[in-house]
Amino acid sequence: FWRLKEITFEKPDLETFQGLKLAFDAAAA
């Protein structure tokens, strides 16, 4: 952890990676 220093987070881009949004549609159906 001394060498790691930081851990960052981001929100997924569902417009670019449309397969992820389709997964939630499939789960809902």
PDB file of all heavy atoms in Angstrom:
ATOM      1  N   PHE A   1       0.812  -1.216   0.000  1.00  0.00           N
ATOM      2  CA  PHE A   1       0.000   0.000   0.000  1.00  0.00           C
ATOM      3  C   PHE A   1       0.849   1.272   0.000  1.00  0.00           C
ATOM      4  O   PHE A   1       0.389   2.326  -0.418  1.00  0.00           O
ATOM      5  CB  PHE A   1      -0.971  -0.014   1.184  1.00  0.00           C
ATOM      6  CG  PHE A   1      -2.097  -0.983   0.995  1.00  0.00           C
ATOM      7  CD1 PHE A   1      -1.987  -2.292   1.446  1.00  0.00           C
ATOM      8  CD2 PHE A   1      -3.251  -0.606   0.351  1.00  0.00           C
ATOM      9  CE1 PHE A   1      -3.007  -3.204   1.256  1.00  0.00           C
ATOM     10  CE2 PHE A   1      -4.292  -1.510   0.156  1.00  0.00           C
ATOM     11  CZ  PHE A   1      -4.168  -2.805   0.607  1.00  0.00           C
ATOM     12  N   TRP A   2       2.089   1.197   0.458  1.00  0.00           N
ATOM     13  CA  TRP A   2       2.973   2.362   0.346  1.00  0.00           C
ATOM     14  C   TRP A   2       3.283   2.648  -1.128  1.00  0.00           C
ATOM     15  O   TRP A   2       3.381   3.789  -1.539  1.00  0.00           O
ATOM     16  CB  TRP A   2       4.279   2.108   1.103  1.00  0.00           C
ATOM     17  CG  TRP A   2       4.105   2.149   2.593  1.00  0.00           C
ATOM     18  CD1 TRP A   2       3.001   2.528   3.284  1.00  0.00           C
ATOM     19  CD2 TRP A   2       5.082   1.782   3.563  1.00  0.00           C
ATOM     20  NE1 TRP A   2       3.203   2.425   4.631  1.00  0.00           N
ATOM     21  CE2 TRP A   2       4.480   1.974   4.839  1.00  0.00           C
ATOM     22  CE3 TRP A   2       6.388   1.310   3.492  1.00  0.00           C
ATOM     23  CZ2 TRP A   2       5.160   1.721   6.022  1.00  0.00           C
ATOM     24  CZ3 TRP A   2       7.065   1.063   4.668  1.00  0.00           C
ATOM     25  CH2 TRP A   2       6.458   1.256   5.920  1.00  0.00           C
ATOM     26  N   ARG A   3       3.436   1.577  -1.894  1.00  0.00           N
ATOM     27  CA  ARG A   3       3.752   1.747  -3.318  1.00  0.00           C
ATOM     28  C   ARG A   3       2.495   2.032  -4.137  1.00  0.00           C
ATOM     29  O   ARG A   3       2.534   2.748  -5.140  1.00  0.00           O
ATOM     30  CB  ARG A   3       4.429   0.474  -3.828  1.00  0.00           C
ATOM     31  CG  ARG A   3       4.963   0.567  -5.237  1.00  0.00           C
ATOM     32  CD  ARG A   3       6.034  -0.496  -5.480  1.00  0.00           C
ATOM     33  NE  ARG A   3       5.555  -1.847  -5.176  1.00  0.00           N
ATOM     34  CZ  ARG A   3       5.011  -2.650  -6.080  1.00  0.00           C
ATOM     35  NH1 ARG A   3       4.841  -2.239  -7.319  1.00  0.00           N
ATOM     36  NH2 ARG A   3       4.633  -3.862  -5.735  1.00  0.00           N
ATOM     37  N   LEU A   4       1.352   1.492  -3.685  1.00  0.00           N
ATOM     38  CA  LEU A   4       0.091   1.668  -4.405  1.00  0.00           C
ATOM     39  C   LEU A   4      -0.380   3.121  -4.404  1.00  0.00           C
ATOM     40  O   LEU A   4      -0.820   3.651  -5.413  1.00  0.00           O
ATOM     41  CB  LEU A   4      -0.971   0.763  -3.782  1.00  0.00           C
ATOM     42  CG  LEU A   4      -2.354   0.740  -4.423  1.00  0.00           C
ATOM     43  CD1 LEU A   4      -2.278   0.245  -5.856  1.00  0.00           C
ATOM     44  CD2 LEU A   4      -3.283  -0.146  -3.603  1.00  0.00           C
ATOM     45  N   LYS A   5      -0.303   3.756  -3.263  1.00  0.00           N
ATOM     46  CA  LYS A   5      -0.599   5.188  -3.073  1.00  0.00           C
ATOM     47  C   LYS A   5      -2.078   5.552  -3.227  1.00  0.00           C
ATOM     48  O   LYS A   5      -2.634   6.260  -2.391  1.00  0.00           O
ATOM     49  CB  LYS A   5       0.244   6.048  -4.023  1.00  0.00           C
ATOM     50  CG  LYS A   5       1.736   5.991  -3.733  1.00  0.00           C
ATOM     51  CD  LYS A   5       2.506   6.917  -4.653  1.00  0.00           C
ATOM     52  CE  LYS A   5       3.993   6.842  -4.355  1.00  0.00           C
ATOM     53  NZ  LYS A   5       4.786   7.693  -5.263  1.00  0.00           N
ATOM     54  N   GLU A   6      -2.756   5.131  -4.307  1.00  0.00           N
ATOM     55  CA  GLU A   6      -4.148   5.533  -4.484  1.00  0.00           C
ATOM     56  C   GLU A   6      -4.931   4.481  -5.262  1.00  0.00           C
ATOM     57  O   GLU A   6      -4.360   3.690  -6.016  1.00  0.00           O
ATOM     58  CB  GLU A   6      -4.234   6.874  -5.227  1.00  0.00           C
ATOM     59  CG  GLU A   6      -3.705   6.814  -6.648  1.00  0.00           C
ATOM     60  CD  GLU A   6      -3.826   8.138  -7.378  1.00  0.00           C
ATOM     61  OE1 GLU A   6      -4.151   9.145  -6.714  1.00  0.00           O
ATOM     62  OE2 GLU A   6      -3.603   8.169  -8.600  1.00  0.00           O
ATOM     63  N   ILE A   7      -6.237   4.476  -5.047  1.00  0.00           N
ATOM     64  CA  ILE A   7      -7.158   3.643  -5.809  1.00  0.00           C
ATOM     65  C   ILE A   7      -8.257   4.561  -6.324  1.00  0.00           C
ATOM     66  O   ILE A   7      -8.874   5.289  -5.540  1.00  0.00           O
ATOM     67  CB  ILE A   7      -7.770   2.521  -4.953  1.00  0.00           C
ATOM     68  CG1 ILE A   7      -6.661   1.630  -4.375  1.00  0.00           C
ATOM     69  CG2 ILE A   7      -8.733   1.680  -5.778  1.00  0.00           C
ATOM     70  CD1 ILE A   7      -7.170   0.554  -3.435  1.00  0.00           C
ATOM     71  N   THR A   8      -8.486   4.562  -7.622  1.00  0.00           N
ATOM     72  CA  THR A   8      -9.469   5.473  -8.208  1.00  0.00           C
ATOM     73  C   THR A   8     -10.687   4.703  -8.712  1.00  0.00           C
ATOM     74  O   THR A   8     -10.630   3.497  -8.976  1.00  0.00           O
ATOM     75  CB  THR A   8      -8.849   6.250  -9.376  1.00  0.00           C
ATOM     76  OG1 THR A   8      -8.407   5.314 -10.377  1.00  0.00           O
ATOM     77  CG2 THR A   8      -7.667   7.090  -8.901  1.00  0.00           C
ATOM     78  N   PHE A   9     -11.787   5.430  -8.862  1.00  0.00           N
ATOM     79  CA  PHE A   9     -13.053   4.847  -9.294  1.00  0.00           C
ATOM     80  C   PHE A   9     -13.672   5.693 -10.403  1.00  0.00           C
ATOM     81  O   PHE A   9     -13.484   6.908 -10.429  1.00  0.00           O
ATOM     82  CB  PHE A   9     -14.033   4.750  -8.116  1.00  0.00           C
ATOM     83  CG  PHE A   9     -13.495   3.973  -6.951  1.00  0.00           C
ATOM     84  CD1 PHE A   9     -12.865   4.619  -5.900  1.00  0.00           C
ATOM     85  CD2 PHE A   9     -13.604   2.595  -6.910  1.00  0.00           C
ATOM     86  CE1 PHE A   9     -12.361   3.914  -4.825  1.00  0.00           C
ATOM     87  CE2 PHE A   9     -13.097   1.877  -5.835  1.00  0.00           C
ATOM     88  CZ  PHE A   9     -12.478   2.534  -4.793  1.00  0.00           C
ATOM     89  N   GLU A  10     -14.417   5.027 -11.285  1.00  0.00           N
ATOM     90  CA  GLU A  10     -15.109   5.715 -12.364  1.00  0.00           C
ATOM     91  C   GLU A  10     -16.480   5.084 -12.586  1.00  0.00           C
ATOM     92  O   GLU A  10     -16.723   3.941 -12.192  1.00  0.00           O
ATOM     93  CB  GLU A  10     -14.298   5.627 -13.668  1.00  0.00           C
ATOM     94  CG  GLU A  10     -12.912   6.237 -13.602  1.00  0.00           C
ATOM     95  CD  GLU A  10     -12.081   5.895 -14.823  1.00  0.00           C
ATOM     96  OE1 GLU A  10     -12.653   5.421 -15.831  1.00  0.00           O
ATOM     97  OE2 GLU A  10     -10.850   6.088 -14.763  1.00  0.00           O
ATOM     98  N   LYS A  11     -17.340   5.843 -13.234  1.00  0.00           N
ATOM     99  CA  LYS A  11     -18.662   5.343 -13.623  1.00  0.00           C
ATOM    100  C   LYS A  11     -18.558   4.739 -15.024  1.00  0.00           C
ATOM    101  O   LYS A  11     -17.911   5.321 -15.904  1.00  0.00           O
ATOM    102  CB  LYS A  11     -19.664   6.501 -13.615  1.00  0.00           C
ATOM    103  CG  LYS A  11     -21.095   6.114 -13.922  1.00  0.00           C
ATOM    104  CD  LYS A  11     -21.996   7.339 -13.840  1.00  0.00           C
ATOM    105  CE  LYS A  11     -23.447   6.982 -14.154  1.00  0.00           C
ATOM    106  NZ  LYS A  11     -24.326   8.178 -14.049  1.00  0.00           N
ATOM    107  N   PRO A  12     -19.157   3.591 -15.277  1.00  0.00           N
ATOM    108  CA  PRO A  12     -19.077   3.001 -16.620  1.00  0.00           C
ATOM    109  C   PRO A  12     -19.814   3.853 -17.658  1.00  0.00           C
ATOM    110  O   PRO A  12     -20.847   4.451 -17.356  1.00  0.00           O
ATOM    111  CB  PRO A  12     -19.735   1.628 -16.454  1.00  0.00           C
ATOM    112  CG  PRO A  12     -20.605   1.750 -15.253  1.00  0.00           C
ATOM    113  CD  PRO A  12     -19.934   2.746 -14.353  1.00  0.00           C
ATOM    114  N   ASP A  13     -19.286   3.891 -18.863  1.00  0.00           N
ATOM    115  CA  ASP A  13     -19.876   4.643 -19.971  1.00  0.00           C
ATOM    116  C   ASP A  13     -20.814   3.711 -20.742  1.00  0.00           C
ATOM    117  O   ASP A  13     -20.380   2.941 -21.602  1.00  0.00           O
ATOM    118  CB  ASP A  13     -18.755   5.169 -20.866  1.00  0.00           C
ATOM    119  CG  ASP A  13     -19.275   5.953 -22.068  1.00  0.00           C
ATOM    120  OD1 ASP A  13     -20.498   6.027 -22.253  1.00  0.00           O
ATOM    121  OD2 ASP A  13     -18.431   6.487 -22.824  1.00  0.00           O
ATOM    122  N   LEU A  14     -22.102   3.787 -20.438  1.00  0.00           N
ATOM    123  CA  LEU A  14     -23.073   2.879 -21.052  1.00  0.00           C
ATOM    124  C   LEU A  14     -23.379   3.237 -22.494  1.00  0.00           C
ATOM    125  O   LEU A  14     -23.923   2.411 -23.237  1.00  0.00           O
ATOM    126  CB  LEU A  14     -24.367   2.862 -20.233  1.00  0.00           C
ATOM    127  CG  LEU A  14     -24.244   2.374 -18.789  1.00  0.00           C
ATOM    128  CD1 LEU A  14     -25.615   2.310 -18.135  1.00  0.00           C
ATOM    129  CD2 LEU A  14     -23.565   1.026 -18.708  1.00  0.00           C
ATOM    130  N   GLU A  15     -23.050   4.456 -22.910  1.00  0.00           N
ATOM    131  CA  GLU A  15     -23.256   4.841 -24.304  1.00  0.00           C
ATOM    132  C   GLU A  15     -22.209   4.190 -25.197  1.00  0.00           C
ATOM    133  O   GLU A  15     -22.505   3.718 -26.293  1.00  0.00           O
ATOM    134  CB  GLU A  15     -23.190   6.363 -24.439  1.00  0.00           C
ATOM    135  CG  GLU A  15     -23.380   6.870 -25.860  1.00  0.00           C
ATOM    136  CD  GLU A  15     -24.687   6.445 -26.506  1.00  0.00           C
ATOM    137  OE1 GLU A  15     -25.711   6.354 -25.786  1.00  0.00           O
ATOM    138  OE2 GLU A  15     -24.682   6.172 -27.727  1.00  0.00           O
ATOM    139  N   THR A  16     -20.974   4.164 -24.717  1.00  0.00           N
ATOM    140  CA  THR A  16     -19.900   3.523 -25.481  1.00  0.00           C
ATOM    141  C   THR A  16     -19.971   2.008 -25.356  1.00  0.00           C
ATOM    142  O   THR A  16     -19.878   1.283 -26.350  1.00  0.00           O
ATOM    143  CB  THR A  16     -18.523   4.017 -24.991  1.00  0.00           C
ATOM    144  OG1 THR A  16     -18.438   5.431 -25.200  1.00  0.00           O
ATOM    145  CG2 THR A  16     -17.398   3.333 -25.740  1.00  0.00           C
ATOM    146  N   PHE A  17     -20.160   1.518 -24.138  1.00  0.00           N
ATOM    147  CA  PHE A  17     -20.177   0.076 -23.887  1.00  0.00           C
ATOM    148  C   PHE A  17     -21.627  -0.387 -23.733  1.00  0.00           C
ATOM    149  O   PHE A  17     -22.106  -0.659 -22.637  1.00  0.00           O
ATOM    150  CB  PHE A  17     -19.325  -0.248 -22.664  1.00  0.00           C
ATOM    151  CG  PHE A  17     -17.883   0.163 -22.831  1.00  0.00           C
ATOM    152  CD1 PHE A  17     -17.425   1.361 -22.311  1.00  0.00           C
ATOM    153  CD2 PHE A  17     -17.007  -0.631 -23.548  1.00  0.00           C
ATOM    154  CE1 PHE A  17     -16.113   1.756 -22.490  1.00  0.00           C
ATOM    155  CE2 PHE A  17     -15.688  -0.250 -23.731  1.00  0.00           C
ATOM    156  CZ  PHE A  17     -15.237   0.953 -23.204  1.00  0.00           C
ATOM    157  N   GLN A  18     -22.309  -0.452 -24.873  1.00  0.00           N
ATOM    158  CA  GLN A  18     -23.746  -0.712 -24.858  1.00  0.00           C
ATOM    159  C   GLN A  18     -24.102  -2.128 -24.434  1.00  0.00           C
ATOM    160  O   GLN A  18     -25.229  -2.398 -24.022  1.00  0.00           O
ATOM    161  CB  GLN A  18     -24.320  -0.397 -26.242  1.00  0.00           C
ATOM    162  CG  GLN A  18     -24.178   1.075 -26.611  1.00  0.00           C
ATOM    163  CD  GLN A  18     -24.764   1.408 -27.973  1.00  0.00           C
ATOM    164  OE1 GLN A  18     -25.301   0.553 -28.665  1.00  0.00           O
ATOM    165  NE2 GLN A  18     -24.644   2.665 -28.355  1.00  0.00           N
ATOM    166  N   GLY A  19     -23.144  -3.034 -24.531  1.00  0.00           N
ATOM    167  CA  GLY A  19     -23.400  -4.408 -24.099  1.00  0.00           C
ATOM    168  C   GLY A  19     -23.737  -4.499 -22.632  1.00  0.00           C
ATOM    169  O   GLY A  19     -24.503  -5.378 -22.218  1.00  0.00           O
ATOM    170  N   LEU A  20     -23.192  -3.586 -21.809  1.00  0.00           N
ATOM    171  CA  LEU A  20     -23.491  -3.601 -20.376  1.00  0.00           C
ATOM    172  C   LEU A  20     -24.928  -3.180 -20.109  1.00  0.00           C
ATOM    173  O   LEU A  20     -25.623  -3.789 -19.300  1.00  0.00           O
ATOM    174  CB  LEU A  20     -22.515  -2.698 -19.626  1.00  0.00           C
ATOM    175  CG  LEU A  20     -22.692  -2.614 -18.109  1.00  0.00           C
ATOM    176  CD1 LEU A  20     -22.651  -3.993 -17.464  1.00  0.00           C
ATOM    177  CD2 LEU A  20     -21.610  -1.713 -17.497  1.00  0.00           C
ATOM    178  N   LYS A  21     -25.384  -2.140 -20.804  1.00  0.00           N
ATOM    179  CA  LYS A  21     -26.776  -1.717 -20.640  1.00  0.00           C
ATOM    180  C   LYS A  21     -27.734  -2.813 -21.084  1.00  0.00           C
ATOM    181  O   LYS A  21     -28.765  -3.060 -20.447  1.00  0.00           O
ATOM    182  CB  LYS A  21     -27.050  -0.444 -21.444  1.00  0.00           C
ATOM    183  CG  LYS A  21     -28.485   0.069 -21.275  1.00  0.00           C
ATOM    184  CD  LYS A  21     -28.739   1.292 -22.113  1.00  0.00           C
ATOM    185  CE  LYS A  21     -30.161   1.811 -21.867  1.00  0.00           C
ATOM    186  NZ  LYS A  21     -31.195   0.763 -22.146  1.00  0.00           N
ATOM    187  N   LEU A  22     -27.397  -3.492 -22.172  1.00  0.00           N
ATOM    188  CA  LEU A  22     -28.249  -4.582 -22.653  1.00  0.00           C
ATOM    189  C   LEU A  22     -28.354  -5.713 -21.630  1.00  0.00           C
ATOM    190  O   LEU A  22     -29.372  -6.397 -21.555  1.00  0.00           O
ATOM    191  CB  LEU A  22     -27.710  -5.116 -23.985  1.00  0.00           C
ATOM    192  CG  LEU A  22     -27.870  -4.181 -25.195  1.00  0.00           C
ATOM    193  CD1 LEU A  22     -27.058  -4.698 -26.372  1.00  0.00           C
ATOM    194  CD2 LEU A  22     -29.339  -4.030 -25.572  1.00  0.00           C
ATOM    195  N   ALA A  23     -27.309  -5.904 -20.832  1.00  0.00           N
ATOM    196  CA  ALA A  23     -27.349  -6.936 -19.789  1.00  0.00           C
ATOM    197  C   ALA A  23     -28.407  -6.621 -18.752  1.00  0.00           C
ATOM    198  O   ALA A  23     -29.152  -7.510 -18.309  1.00  0.00           O
ATOM    199  CB  ALA A  23     -25.982  -7.066 -19.122  1.00  0.00           C
ATOM    200  N   PHE A  24     -28.502  -5.361 -18.344  1.00  0.00           N
ATOM    201  CA  PHE A  24     -29.531  -4.982 -17.381  1.00  0.00           C
ATOM    202  C   PHE A  24     -30.928  -5.121 -18.000  1.00  0.00           C
ATOM    203  O   PHE A  24     -31.878  -5.512 -17.317  1.00  0.00           O
ATOM    204  CB  PHE A  24     -29.294  -3.551 -16.891  1.00  0.00           C
ATOM    205  CG  PHE A  24     -28.235  -3.461 -15.822  1.00  0.00           C
ATOM    206  CD1 PHE A  24     -26.903  -3.252 -16.150  1.00  0.00           C
ATOM    207  CD2 PHE A  24     -28.567  -3.611 -14.482  1.00  0.00           C
ATOM    208  CE1 PHE A  24     -25.921  -3.186 -15.168  1.00  0.00           C
ATOM    209  CE2 PHE A  24     -27.594  -3.543 -13.487  1.00  0.00           C
ATOM    210  CZ  PHE A  24     -26.266  -3.336 -13.831  1.00  0.00           C
ATOM    211  N   ASP A  25     -31.055  -4.840 -19.303  1.00  0.00           N
ATOM    212  CA  ASP A  25     -32.339  -5.043 -19.993  1.00  0.00           C
ATOM    213  C   ASP A  25     -32.704  -6.526 -20.007  1.00  0.00           C
ATOM    214  O   ASP A  25     -33.859  -6.896 -19.771  1.00  0.00           O
ATOM    215  CB  ASP A  25     -32.261  -4.519 -21.425  1.00  0.00           C
ATOM    216  CG  ASP A  25     -32.086  -3.009 -21.500  1.00  0.00           C
ATOM    217  OD1 ASP A  25     -32.397  -2.329 -20.499  1.00  0.00           O
ATOM    218  OD2 ASP A  25     -31.647  -2.519 -22.554  1.00  0.00           O
ATOM    219  N   ALA A  26     -31.712  -7.378 -20.262  1.00  0.00           N
ATOM    220  CA  ALA A  26     -31.966  -8.821 -20.295  1.00  0.00           C
ATOM    221  C   ALA A  26     -32.356  -9.346 -18.923  1.00  0.00           C
ATOM    222  O   ALA A  26     -33.270 -10.170 -18.787  1.00  0.00           O
ATOM    223  CB  ALA A  26     -30.723  -9.558 -20.813  1.00  0.00           C
ATOM    224  N   ALA A  27     -31.677  -8.857 -17.885  1.00  0.00           N
ATOM    225  CA  ALA A  27     -31.999  -9.287 -16.518  1.00  0.00           C
ATOM    226  C   ALA A  27     -33.401  -8.852 -16.132  1.00  0.00           C
ATOM    227  O   ALA A  27     -34.128  -9.594 -15.458  1.00  0.00           O
ATOM    228  CB  ALA A  27     -30.971  -8.713 -15.540  1.00  0.00           C
ATOM    229  N   ALA A  28     -33.794  -7.661 -16.553  1.00  0.00           N
ATOM    230  CA  ALA A  28     -35.135  -7.156 -16.238  1.00  0.00           C
ATOM    231  C   ALA A  28     -36.216  -7.983 -16.933  1.00  0.00           C
ATOM    232  O   ALA A  28     -37.280  -8.246 -16.360  1.00  0.00           O
ATOM    233  CB  ALA A  28     -35.255  -5.689 -16.647  1.00  0.00           C
ATOM    234  N   ALA A  29     -35.938  -8.416 -18.160  1.00  0.00           N
ATOM    235  CA  ALA A  29     -36.910  -9.229 -18.898  1.00  0.00           C
ATOM    236  C   ALA A  29     -37.003 -10.633 -18.312  1.00  0.00           C
ATOM    237  O   ALA A  29     -38.074 -11.240 -18.269  1.00  0.00           O
ATOM    238  CB  ALA A  29     -36.517  -9.291 -20.371  1.00  0.00           C
TER     239      ALA A  29
END
